[in-house]
């Protein structure tokens, strides 16, 4: 594993998520969790662009497969490393926003949070206009309601991912 891959593995561990990429939901959760961790100040160096399910980073996908391959062979170099206390604190705070009852609920929720954050962060929408955000998401084929968008905005602000 290179340093970036070790950072990803430690980040997912710090969020108390399993490092899994077996199902579509697993991969979506990994993508969005890393996106939100970076938004919270964990500097991993991944660049995201918009794709079918919101923000997506192809190099993260490649790294995730590489990490999984190494772990399946009994090699986990991340065990010799640890994140700094500030990063661990940020990740601990994010756990509440990420973990849901089921993987499906978790993946949908993370897709919404990451998508709303991405659109606002890239100045594609007015961050205070829930109707505009909802309409933009609908144009991208997302079926999130205005109420869901409003709740997502509240969570992003509450957890320090967007300014109030």
C-alpha atoms as a PDB file:
ATOM      1  CA  UNK A   1       0.000   0.000   0.000  1.00  0.00           C
ATOM      2  CA  UNK A   2       1.175   3.507  -0.690  1.00  0.00           C
ATOM      3  CA  UNK A   3       0.616   6.369   1.759  1.00  0.00           C
ATOM      4  CA  UNK A   4      -2.619   7.493   0.134  1.00  0.00           C
ATOM      5  CA  UNK A   5      -4.037   3.973   0.305  1.00  0.00           C
ATOM      6  CA  UNK A   6      -2.996   3.658   3.936  1.00  0.00           C
ATOM      7  CA  UNK A   7      -4.734   6.985   4.607  1.00  0.00           C
ATOM      8  CA  UNK A   8      -7.949   5.718   2.997  1.00  0.00           C
ATOM      9  CA  UNK A   9      -7.879   2.495   4.997  1.00  0.00           C
ATOM     10  CA  UNK A  10      -7.262   4.395   8.244  1.00  0.00           C
ATOM     11  CA  UNK A  11     -10.042   6.859   7.366  1.00  0.00           C
ATOM     12  CA  UNK A  12     -12.600   4.113   6.770  1.00  0.00           C
ATOM     13  CA  UNK A  13     -11.469   2.402   9.980  1.00  0.00           C
ATOM     14  CA  UNK A  14     -11.735   5.749  11.803  1.00  0.00           C
ATOM     15  CA  UNK A  15     -15.330   6.094  10.598  1.00  0.00           C
ATOM     16  CA  UNK A  16     -16.000   2.648  12.033  1.00  0.00           C
ATOM     17  CA  UNK A  17     -17.059   1.333   8.626  1.00  0.00           C
ATOM     18  CA  UNK A  18     -16.112  -2.038   7.189  1.00  0.00           C
ATOM     19  CA  UNK A  19     -13.670  -1.798   4.293  1.00  0.00           C
ATOM     20  CA  UNK A  20     -15.856  -3.611   1.777  1.00  0.00           C
ATOM     21  CA  UNK A  21     -16.328  -3.192  -1.982  1.00  0.00           C
ATOM     22  CA  UNK A  22     -18.268  -6.352  -2.771  1.00  0.00           C
ATOM     23  CA  UNK A  23     -21.620  -4.729  -3.590  1.00  0.00           C
ATOM     24  CA  UNK A  24     -22.643  -1.520  -5.314  1.00  0.00           C
ATOM     25  CA  UNK A  25     -23.820  -0.144  -1.935  1.00  0.00           C
ATOM     26  CA  UNK A  26     -20.410  -0.946  -0.405  1.00  0.00           C
ATOM     27  CA  UNK A  27     -18.579   0.974  -3.134  1.00  0.00           C
ATOM     28  CA  UNK A  28     -21.005   3.904  -2.975  1.00  0.00           C
ATOM     29  CA  UNK A  29     -20.600   4.128   0.800  1.00  0.00           C
ATOM     30  CA  UNK A  30     -16.807   4.070   0.461  1.00  0.00           C
ATOM     31  CA  UNK A  31     -16.820   6.811  -2.199  1.00  0.00           C
ATOM     32  CA  UNK A  32     -19.171   9.109  -0.282  1.00  0.00           C
ATOM     33  CA  UNK A  33     -17.592   8.474   3.132  1.00  0.00           C
ATOM     34  CA  UNK A  34     -14.151   9.425   1.790  1.00  0.00           C
ATOM     35  CA  UNK A  35     -15.645  12.462   0.023  1.00  0.00           C
ATOM     36  CA  UNK A  36     -17.262  13.661   3.275  1.00  0.00           C
ATOM     37  CA  UNK A  37     -14.099  12.898   5.284  1.00  0.00           C
ATOM     38  CA  UNK A  38     -12.135  15.115   2.899  1.00  0.00           C
ATOM     39  CA  UNK A  39     -14.819  17.810   3.232  1.00  0.00           C
ATOM     40  CA  UNK A  40     -14.306  17.570   7.002  1.00  0.00           C
ATOM     41  CA  UNK A  41     -10.580  18.252   6.624  1.00  0.00           C
ATOM     42  CA  UNK A  42      -9.005  14.801   6.205  1.00  0.00           C
ATOM     43  CA  UNK A  43      -6.474  15.464   3.452  1.00  0.00           C
ATOM     44  CA  UNK A  44      -6.298  12.353   1.282  1.00  0.00           C
ATOM     45  CA  UNK A  45      -5.730  14.012  -2.093  1.00  0.00           C
ATOM     46  CA  UNK A  46      -8.630  12.556  -4.070  1.00  0.00           C
ATOM     47  CA  UNK A  47     -10.344  14.681  -6.715  1.00  0.00           C
ATOM     48  CA  UNK A  48     -14.025  14.100  -7.370  1.00  0.00           C
ATOM     49  CA  UNK A  49     -16.217  14.863 -10.362  1.00  0.00           C
ATOM     50  CA  UNK A  50     -19.955  14.392 -10.880  1.00  0.00           C
ATOM     51  CA  UNK A  51     -21.090  10.967 -12.024  1.00  0.00           C
ATOM     52  CA  UNK A  52     -24.350   9.015 -11.999  1.00  0.00           C
ATOM     53  CA  UNK A  53     -24.541   8.751  -8.207  1.00  0.00           C
ATOM     54  CA  UNK A  54     -23.057  12.093  -7.256  1.00  0.00           C
ATOM     55  CA  UNK A  55     -19.395  12.823  -6.535  1.00  0.00           C
ATOM     56  CA  UNK A  56     -17.103  10.062  -7.775  1.00  0.00           C
ATOM     57  CA  UNK A  57     -13.339   9.518  -7.868  1.00  0.00           C
ATOM     58  CA  UNK A  58     -11.969   6.835 -10.233  1.00  0.00           C
ATOM     59  CA  UNK A  59      -8.553   6.757  -8.542  1.00  0.00           C
ATOM     60  CA  UNK A  60     -10.230   6.008  -5.187  1.00  0.00           C
ATOM     61  CA  UNK A  61     -11.971   3.039  -6.797  1.00  0.00           C
ATOM     62  CA  UNK A  62      -8.649   1.726  -8.116  1.00  0.00           C
ATOM     63  CA  UNK A  63      -7.048   2.195  -4.694  1.00  0.00           C
ATOM     64  CA  UNK A  64      -9.963   0.446  -2.962  1.00  0.00           C
ATOM     65  CA  UNK A  65      -9.546  -2.624  -5.188  1.00  0.00           C
ATOM     66  CA  UNK A  66      -5.803  -2.608  -4.578  1.00  0.00           C
ATOM     67  CA  UNK A  67      -6.257  -2.342  -0.801  1.00  0.00           C
ATOM     68  CA  UNK A  68      -8.868  -5.110  -0.807  1.00  0.00           C
ATOM     69  CA  UNK A  69      -6.548  -7.315  -2.841  1.00  0.00           C
ATOM     70  CA  UNK A  70      -3.702  -6.853  -0.409  1.00  0.00           C
ATOM     71  CA  UNK A  71      -5.925  -7.446   2.618  1.00  0.00           C
ATOM     72  CA  UNK A  72      -7.286 -10.651   1.059  1.00  0.00           C
ATOM     73  CA  UNK A  73      -3.674 -11.855   0.805  1.00  0.00           C
ATOM     74  CA  UNK A  74      -3.162 -11.205   4.511  1.00  0.00           C
ATOM     75  CA  UNK A  75      -1.276  -7.933   4.073  1.00  0.00           C
ATOM     76  CA  UNK A  76      -2.515  -4.783   5.818  1.00  0.00           C
ATOM     77  CA  UNK A  77       0.259  -2.222   6.011  1.00  0.00           C
ATOM     78  CA  UNK A  78      -2.121   0.290   7.574  1.00  0.00           C
ATOM     79  CA  UNK A  79      -1.835  -1.542  10.896  1.00  0.00           C
ATOM     80  CA  UNK A  80       1.617  -0.016  11.380  1.00  0.00           C
ATOM     81  CA  UNK A  81       0.189   3.517  11.058  1.00  0.00           C
ATOM     82  CA  UNK A  82      -2.310   5.708  12.858  1.00  0.00           C
ATOM     83  CA  UNK A  83      -4.043   8.985  12.153  1.00  0.00           C
ATOM     84  CA  UNK A  84      -3.274  12.100  14.166  1.00  0.00           C
ATOM     85  CA  UNK A  85      -5.630  13.040  16.996  1.00  0.00           C
ATOM     86  CA  UNK A  86      -7.203  15.911  15.042  1.00  0.00           C
ATOM     87  CA  UNK A  87      -8.108  13.637  12.146  1.00  0.00           C
ATOM     88  CA  UNK A  88      -9.469  10.981  14.485  1.00  0.00           C
ATOM     89  CA  UNK A  89     -11.598  13.610  16.196  1.00  0.00           C
ATOM     90  CA  UNK A  90     -13.030  14.773  12.853  1.00  0.00           C
ATOM     91  CA  UNK A  91     -13.809  11.199  11.837  1.00  0.00           C
ATOM     92  CA  UNK A  92     -15.387  10.398  15.195  1.00  0.00           C
ATOM     93  CA  UNK A  93     -17.680  13.398  14.765  1.00  0.00           C
ATOM     94  CA  UNK A  94     -18.638  12.218  11.261  1.00  0.00           C
ATOM     95  CA  UNK A  95     -19.646   8.754  12.463  1.00  0.00           C
ATOM     96  CA  UNK A  96     -23.043  10.060  13.578  1.00  0.00           C
ATOM     97  CA  UNK A  97     -23.831  11.447  10.136  1.00  0.00           C
ATOM     98  CA  UNK A  98     -22.717   8.319   8.280  1.00  0.00           C
ATOM     99  CA  UNK A  99     -23.957   5.228  10.080  1.00  0.00           C
ATOM    100  CA  UNK A 100     -27.563   4.192   9.366  1.00  0.00           C
ATOM    101  CA  UNK A 101     -29.707   1.136  10.109  1.00  0.00           C
ATOM    102  CA  UNK A 102     -29.071  -0.684   6.830  1.00  0.00           C
ATOM    103  CA  UNK A 103     -26.430  -0.495   4.115  1.00  0.00           C
ATOM    104  CA  UNK A 104     -29.126   0.627   1.651  1.00  0.00           C
ATOM    105  CA  UNK A 105     -30.266   3.476   3.950  1.00  0.00           C
ATOM    106  CA  UNK A 106     -26.636   4.372   4.573  1.00  0.00           C
ATOM    107  CA  UNK A 107     -25.740   4.489   0.870  1.00  0.00           C
ATOM    108  CA  UNK A 108     -28.784   6.603  -0.068  1.00  0.00           C
ATOM    109  CA  UNK A 109     -28.154   9.018   2.798  1.00  0.00           C
ATOM    110  CA  UNK A 110     -24.463   9.393   1.972  1.00  0.00           C
ATOM    111  CA  UNK A 111     -25.264   9.893  -1.716  1.00  0.00           C
ATOM    112  CA  UNK A 112     -27.625  12.737  -0.763  1.00  0.00           C
ATOM    113  CA  UNK A 113     -25.174  14.390   1.662  1.00  0.00           C
ATOM    114  CA  UNK A 114     -22.204  14.161  -0.691  1.00  0.00           C
ATOM    115  CA  UNK A 115     -24.250  15.311  -3.703  1.00  0.00           C
ATOM    116  CA  UNK A 116     -25.680  18.348  -1.912  1.00  0.00           C
ATOM    117  CA  UNK A 117     -22.248  19.266  -0.557  1.00  0.00           C
ATOM    118  CA  UNK A 118     -20.611  18.816  -3.968  1.00  0.00           C
ATOM    119  CA  UNK A 119     -23.168  21.017  -5.766  1.00  0.00           C
ATOM    120  CA  UNK A 120     -22.844  23.770  -3.157  1.00  0.00           C
ATOM    121  CA  UNK A 121     -19.062  23.504  -2.884  1.00  0.00           C
ATOM    122  CA  UNK A 122     -18.678  23.735  -6.682  1.00  0.00           C
ATOM    123  CA  UNK A 123     -21.075  26.711  -6.713  1.00  0.00           C
ATOM    124  CA  UNK A 124     -23.505  24.958  -9.036  1.00  0.00           C
ATOM    125  CA  UNK A 125     -26.400  25.870  -6.729  1.00  0.00           C
ATOM    126  CA  UNK A 126     -27.261  28.445  -4.095  1.00  0.00           C
ATOM    127  CA  UNK A 127     -26.617  26.692  -0.782  1.00  0.00           C
ATOM    128  CA  UNK A 128     -29.630  28.318   0.851  1.00  0.00           C
ATOM    129  CA  UNK A 129     -32.193  27.436  -1.845  1.00  0.00           C
ATOM    130  CA  UNK A 130     -33.504  23.923  -1.153  1.00  0.00           C
ATOM    131  CA  UNK A 131     -35.829  24.052  -4.171  1.00  0.00           C
ATOM    132  CA  UNK A 132     -32.959  24.883  -6.528  1.00  0.00           C
ATOM    133  CA  UNK A 133     -30.830  22.095  -5.032  1.00  0.00           C
ATOM    134  CA  UNK A 134     -33.716  19.611  -5.294  1.00  0.00           C
ATOM    135  CA  UNK A 135     -34.469  20.635  -8.887  1.00  0.00           C
ATOM    136  CA  UNK A 136     -30.790  20.307  -9.825  1.00  0.00           C
ATOM    137  CA  UNK A 137     -30.630  16.843  -8.269  1.00  0.00           C
ATOM    138  CA  UNK A 138     -33.787  15.870 -10.185  1.00  0.00           C
ATOM    139  CA  UNK A 139     -32.177  17.053 -13.435  1.00  0.00           C
ATOM    140  CA  UNK A 140     -29.358  14.629 -12.634  1.00  0.00           C
ATOM    141  CA  UNK A 141     -31.907  11.832 -12.161  1.00  0.00           C
ATOM    142  CA  UNK A 142     -31.945  11.856  -8.352  1.00  0.00           C
ATOM    143  CA  UNK A 143     -35.262  11.298  -6.583  1.00  0.00           C
ATOM    144  CA  UNK A 144     -34.579  13.195  -3.375  1.00  0.00           C
ATOM    145  CA  UNK A 145     -37.420  15.303  -2.006  1.00  0.00           C
ATOM    146  CA  UNK A 146     -37.090  18.926  -1.000  1.00  0.00           C
ATOM    147  CA  UNK A 147     -37.626  17.849   2.625  1.00  0.00           C
ATOM    148  CA  UNK A 148     -34.714  15.372   2.357  1.00  0.00           C
ATOM    149  CA  UNK A 149     -32.524  18.113   0.877  1.00  0.00           C
ATOM    150  CA  UNK A 150     -33.486  20.465   3.698  1.00  0.00           C
ATOM    151  CA  UNK A 151     -32.580  17.816   6.288  1.00  0.00           C
ATOM    152  CA  UNK A 152     -29.283  17.116   4.490  1.00  0.00           C
ATOM    153  CA  UNK A 153     -28.403  20.815   4.543  1.00  0.00           C
ATOM    154  CA  UNK A 154     -29.106  20.902   8.263  1.00  0.00           C
ATOM    155  CA  UNK A 155     -26.859  17.908   8.874  1.00  0.00           C
ATOM    156  CA  UNK A 156     -24.044  19.277   6.721  1.00  0.00           C
ATOM    157  CA  UNK A 157     -24.143  22.526   8.684  1.00  0.00           C
ATOM    158  CA  UNK A 158     -24.496  20.794  12.067  1.00  0.00           C
ATOM    159  CA  UNK A 159     -21.448  18.610  11.420  1.00  0.00           C
ATOM    160  CA  UNK A 160     -19.350  21.511  10.137  1.00  0.00           C
ATOM    161  CA  UNK A 161     -19.233  20.434   6.487  1.00  0.00           C
ATOM    162  CA  UNK A 162     -20.942  23.631   5.317  1.00  0.00           C
ATOM    163  CA  UNK A 163     -20.969  27.119   6.806  1.00  0.00           C
ATOM    164  CA  UNK A 164     -24.185  28.236   8.476  1.00  0.00           C
END
